[in-house]
Amino acid sequence: MKIAITIFYFLFSLFFAGVEPSDEIVAGLKQGKSSELVKYFDEKVSIKIINQEDVLSKAQAEANLKFFLEKHTVKTFSNSHVSSVNNGSQYITGTLETTNGKFRISILLRRNLIAQFRIENDND
């Protein structure tokens, strides 16, 4: 009986174990797909793309990110850090290598939604 309960618990855990938003965001960055990233945008997003910084609606932020990714085709994304904070926020940082150079990426998630998205020149 204990074995049956253990197996049931294991299968139940596997069934309800979901993919973390941070995993899907990293995958979207690696593929250069704005559509994968926008799924996690909050209604208002603080966004910085190189030298332009503003708080934009989800639709405006999507348009800006899509324009950037069309102009800078992604080669790779090296995820350097994902961390969680006690208040449920998560940070994702890494380096995005594109056809036009390298960029530092910083993302802040609150309630599993992107509240802040930053793309800055990587001056290495």
C-alpha atoms as a PDB file:
ATOM      1  CA  MET A   1       0.000   0.000   0.000  1.00  0.00           C
ATOM      2  CA  LYS A   2       2.831   2.416   0.830  1.00  0.00           C
ATOM      3  CA  ILE A   3       4.378   1.777  -2.582  1.00  0.00           C
ATOM      4  CA  ALA A   4       1.090   2.592  -4.321  1.00  0.00           C
ATOM      5  CA  ILE A   5       0.775   5.854  -2.389  1.00  0.00           C
ATOM      6  CA  THR A   6       4.382   6.770  -3.175  1.00  0.00           C
ATOM      7  CA  ILE A   7       3.887   6.059  -6.879  1.00  0.00           C
ATOM      8  CA  PHE A   8       0.625   8.036  -6.901  1.00  0.00           C
ATOM      9  CA  TYR A   9       2.315  11.001  -5.177  1.00  0.00           C
ATOM     10  CA  PHE A  10       5.218  10.890  -7.655  1.00  0.00           C
ATOM     11  CA  LEU A  11       2.903  10.782 -10.692  1.00  0.00           C
ATOM     12  CA  PHE A  12       0.722  13.534  -9.219  1.00  0.00           C
ATOM     13  CA  SER A  13       3.814  15.716  -8.711  1.00  0.00           C
ATOM     14  CA  LEU A  14       4.982  15.131 -12.281  1.00  0.00           C
ATOM     15  CA  PHE A  15       1.562  15.940 -13.676  1.00  0.00           C
ATOM     16  CA  PHE A  16       1.295  19.271 -11.888  1.00  0.00           C
ATOM     17  CA  ALA A  17       4.934  20.304 -12.158  1.00  0.00           C
ATOM     18  CA  GLY A  18       4.849  23.206 -14.576  1.00  0.00           C
ATOM     19  CA  VAL A  19       7.521  24.944 -16.540  1.00  0.00           C
ATOM     20  CA  GLU A  20       8.789  28.044 -14.772  1.00  0.00           C
ATOM     21  CA  PRO A  21       8.186  31.338 -16.601  1.00  0.00           C
ATOM     22  CA  SER A  22      11.915  32.054 -16.279  1.00  0.00           C
ATOM     23  CA  ASP A  23      12.674  28.881 -18.280  1.00  0.00           C
ATOM     24  CA  GLU A  24      10.319  29.926 -21.079  1.00  0.00           C
ATOM     25  CA  ILE A  25      11.689  33.476 -21.081  1.00  0.00           C
ATOM     26  CA  VAL A  26      15.260  32.185 -21.404  1.00  0.00           C
ATOM     27  CA  ALA A  27      14.137  29.865 -24.229  1.00  0.00           C
ATOM     28  CA  GLY A  28      12.438  32.810 -25.974  1.00  0.00           C
ATOM     29  CA  LEU A  29      15.631  34.864 -25.721  1.00  0.00           C
ATOM     30  CA  LYS A  30      17.717  32.000 -27.118  1.00  0.00           C
ATOM     31  CA  GLN A  31      15.344  31.747 -30.085  1.00  0.00           C
ATOM     32  CA  GLY A  32      15.010  35.510 -30.522  1.00  0.00           C
ATOM     33  CA  LYS A  33      11.205  35.238 -30.428  1.00  0.00           C
ATOM     34  CA  SER A  34       9.485  38.320 -29.069  1.00  0.00           C
ATOM     35  CA  SER A  35       6.169  36.426 -29.083  1.00  0.00           C
ATOM     36  CA  GLU A  36       7.514  34.019 -26.431  1.00  0.00           C
ATOM     37  CA  LEU A  37       8.654  36.903 -24.237  1.00  0.00           C
ATOM     38  CA  VAL A  38       5.538  39.046 -24.599  1.00  0.00           C
ATOM     39  CA  LYS A  39       3.371  36.285 -23.123  1.00  0.00           C
ATOM     40  CA  TYR A  40       4.930  37.203 -19.789  1.00  0.00           C
ATOM     41  CA  PHE A  41       4.770  41.010 -20.060  1.00  0.00           C
ATOM     42  CA  ASP A  42       2.718  42.775 -17.402  1.00  0.00           C
ATOM     43  CA  GLU A  43       0.145  45.339 -18.581  1.00  0.00           C
ATOM     44  CA  LYS A  44       2.764  48.079 -18.052  1.00  0.00           C
ATOM     45  CA  VAL A  45       6.465  47.314 -18.534  1.00  0.00           C
ATOM     46  CA  SER A  46       9.477  49.412 -17.647  1.00  0.00           C
ATOM     47  CA  ILE A  47      11.587  48.819 -20.732  1.00  0.00           C
ATOM     48  CA  LYS A  48      15.034  50.023 -21.719  1.00  0.00           C
ATOM     49  CA  ILE A  49      16.417  49.174 -25.131  1.00  0.00           C
ATOM     50  CA  ILE A  50      19.937  50.564 -25.477  1.00  0.00           C
ATOM     51  CA  ASN A  51      19.421  54.305 -24.821  1.00  0.00           C
ATOM     52  CA  GLN A  52      15.616  54.483 -24.871  1.00  0.00           C
ATOM     53  CA  GLU A  53      13.889  53.964 -21.557  1.00  0.00           C
ATOM     54  CA  ASP A  54      10.198  54.299 -20.734  1.00  0.00           C
ATOM     55  CA  VAL A  55       7.220  52.671 -19.062  1.00  0.00           C
ATOM     56  CA  LEU A  56       5.108  51.283 -21.887  1.00  0.00           C
ATOM     57  CA  SER A  57       1.907  49.354 -22.353  1.00  0.00           C
ATOM     58  CA  LYS A  58       2.252  45.686 -23.177  1.00  0.00           C
ATOM     59  CA  ALA A  59       1.494  46.371 -26.870  1.00  0.00           C
ATOM     60  CA  GLN A  60       4.019  49.221 -27.137  1.00  0.00           C
ATOM     61  CA  ALA A  61       6.711  47.198 -25.351  1.00  0.00           C
ATOM     62  CA  GLU A  62       6.042  44.284 -27.706  1.00  0.00           C
ATOM     63  CA  ALA A  63       6.465  46.530 -30.757  1.00  0.00           C
ATOM     64  CA  ASN A  64       9.763  47.942 -29.446  1.00  0.00           C
ATOM     65  CA  LEU A  65      11.159  44.515 -28.576  1.00  0.00           C
ATOM     66  CA  LYS A  66      10.071  43.037 -31.911  1.00  0.00           C
ATOM     67  CA  PHE A  67      11.769  45.911 -33.769  1.00  0.00           C
ATOM     68  CA  PHE A  68      14.992  45.363 -31.804  1.00  0.00           C
ATOM     69  CA  LEU A  69      15.027  41.600 -32.443  1.00  0.00           C
ATOM     70  CA  GLU A  70      14.342  42.080 -36.161  1.00  0.00           C
ATOM     71  CA  LYS A  71      17.254  44.515 -36.359  1.00  0.00           C
ATOM     72  CA  HIS A  72      19.580  42.376 -34.194  1.00  0.00           C
ATOM     73  CA  THR A  73      19.229  38.712 -35.163  1.00  0.00           C
ATOM     74  CA  VAL A  74      19.960  36.520 -32.144  1.00  0.00           C
ATOM     75  CA  LYS A  75      22.891  34.107 -32.285  1.00  0.00           C
ATOM     76  CA  THR A  76      22.871  32.943 -28.654  1.00  0.00           C
ATOM     77  CA  PHE A  77      21.733  33.891 -25.185  1.00  0.00           C
ATOM     78  CA  SER A  78      23.970  32.964 -22.260  1.00  0.00           C
ATOM     79  CA  ASN A  79      21.922  32.948 -19.100  1.00  0.00           C
ATOM     80  CA  SER A  80      24.245  33.992 -16.304  1.00  0.00           C
ATOM     81  CA  HIS A  81      21.861  34.204 -13.364  1.00  0.00           C
ATOM     82  CA  VAL A  82      18.291  33.499 -12.285  1.00  0.00           C
ATOM     83  CA  SER A  83      17.407  34.332  -8.698  1.00  0.00           C
ATOM     84  CA  SER A  84      14.301  34.532  -6.565  1.00  0.00           C
ATOM     85  CA  VAL A  85      13.615  37.017  -3.795  1.00  0.00           C
ATOM     86  CA  ASN A  86      11.439  36.512  -0.706  1.00  0.00           C
ATOM     87  CA  ASN A  87       8.637  38.671  -2.098  1.00  0.00           C
ATOM     88  CA  GLY A  88       8.165  36.315  -5.065  1.00  0.00           C
ATOM     89  CA  SER A  89      10.121  38.410  -7.543  1.00  0.00           C
ATOM     90  CA  GLN A  90      12.666  36.844  -9.878  1.00  0.00           C
ATOM     91  CA  TYR A  91      15.661  38.292 -11.678  1.00  0.00           C
ATOM     92  CA  ILE A  92      17.094  36.963 -14.930  1.00  0.00           C
ATOM     93  CA  THR A  93      20.386  38.268 -16.285  1.00  0.00           C
ATOM     94  CA  GLY A  94      22.539  37.203 -19.189  1.00  0.00           C
ATOM     95  CA  THR A  95      24.286  38.123 -22.405  1.00  0.00           C
ATOM     96  CA  LEU A  96      22.508  38.238 -25.744  1.00  0.00           C
ATOM     97  CA  GLU A  97      24.834  37.756 -28.705  1.00  0.00           C
ATOM     98  CA  THR A  98      23.426  39.088 -31.968  1.00  0.00           C
ATOM     99  CA  THR A  99      24.623  39.743 -35.499  1.00  0.00           C
ATOM    100  CA  ASN A 100      25.294  43.335 -34.397  1.00  0.00           C
ATOM    101  CA  GLY A 101      27.124  42.698 -31.123  1.00  0.00           C
ATOM    102  CA  LYS A 102      26.562  41.650 -27.532  1.00  0.00           C
ATOM    103  CA  PHE A 103      23.973  43.050 -25.139  1.00  0.00           C
ATOM    104  CA  ARG A 104      23.391  42.658 -21.400  1.00  0.00           C
ATOM    105  CA  ILE A 105      19.874  41.521 -20.570  1.00  0.00           C
ATOM    106  CA  SER A 106      18.243  42.193 -17.181  1.00  0.00           C
ATOM    107  CA  ILE A 107      14.678  41.112 -16.470  1.00  0.00           C
ATOM    108  CA  LEU A 108      12.593  41.565 -13.327  1.00  0.00           C
ATOM    109  CA  LEU A 109       9.528  39.355 -12.867  1.00  0.00           C
ATOM    110  CA  ARG A 110       6.822  40.118 -10.314  1.00  0.00           C
ATOM    111  CA  ARG A 111       3.972  37.647  -9.867  1.00  0.00           C
ATOM    112  CA  ASN A 112       5.495  35.659 -12.784  1.00  0.00           C
ATOM    113  CA  LEU A 113       5.095  38.650 -15.130  1.00  0.00           C
ATOM    114  CA  ILE A 114       7.843  40.792 -16.626  1.00  0.00           C
ATOM    115  CA  ALA A 115       7.758  44.183 -14.901  1.00  0.00           C
ATOM    116  CA  GLN A 116      11.140  45.397 -16.152  1.00  0.00           C
ATOM    117  CA  PHE A 117      13.086  44.456 -19.296  1.00  0.00           C
ATOM    118  CA  ARG A 118      16.489  46.005 -20.022  1.00  0.00           C
ATOM    119  CA  ILE A 119      18.776  45.606 -23.043  1.00  0.00           C
ATOM    120  CA  GLU A 120      22.087  47.435 -22.707  1.00  0.00           C
ATOM    121  CA  ASN A 121      25.282  47.442 -24.738  1.00  0.00           C
ATOM    122  CA  ASP A 122      27.843  44.972 -23.430  1.00  0.00           C
ATOM    123  CA  ASN A 123      31.142  46.837 -23.385  1.00  0.00           C
ATOM    124  CA  ASP A 124      33.421  43.835 -22.816  1.00  0.00           C
END
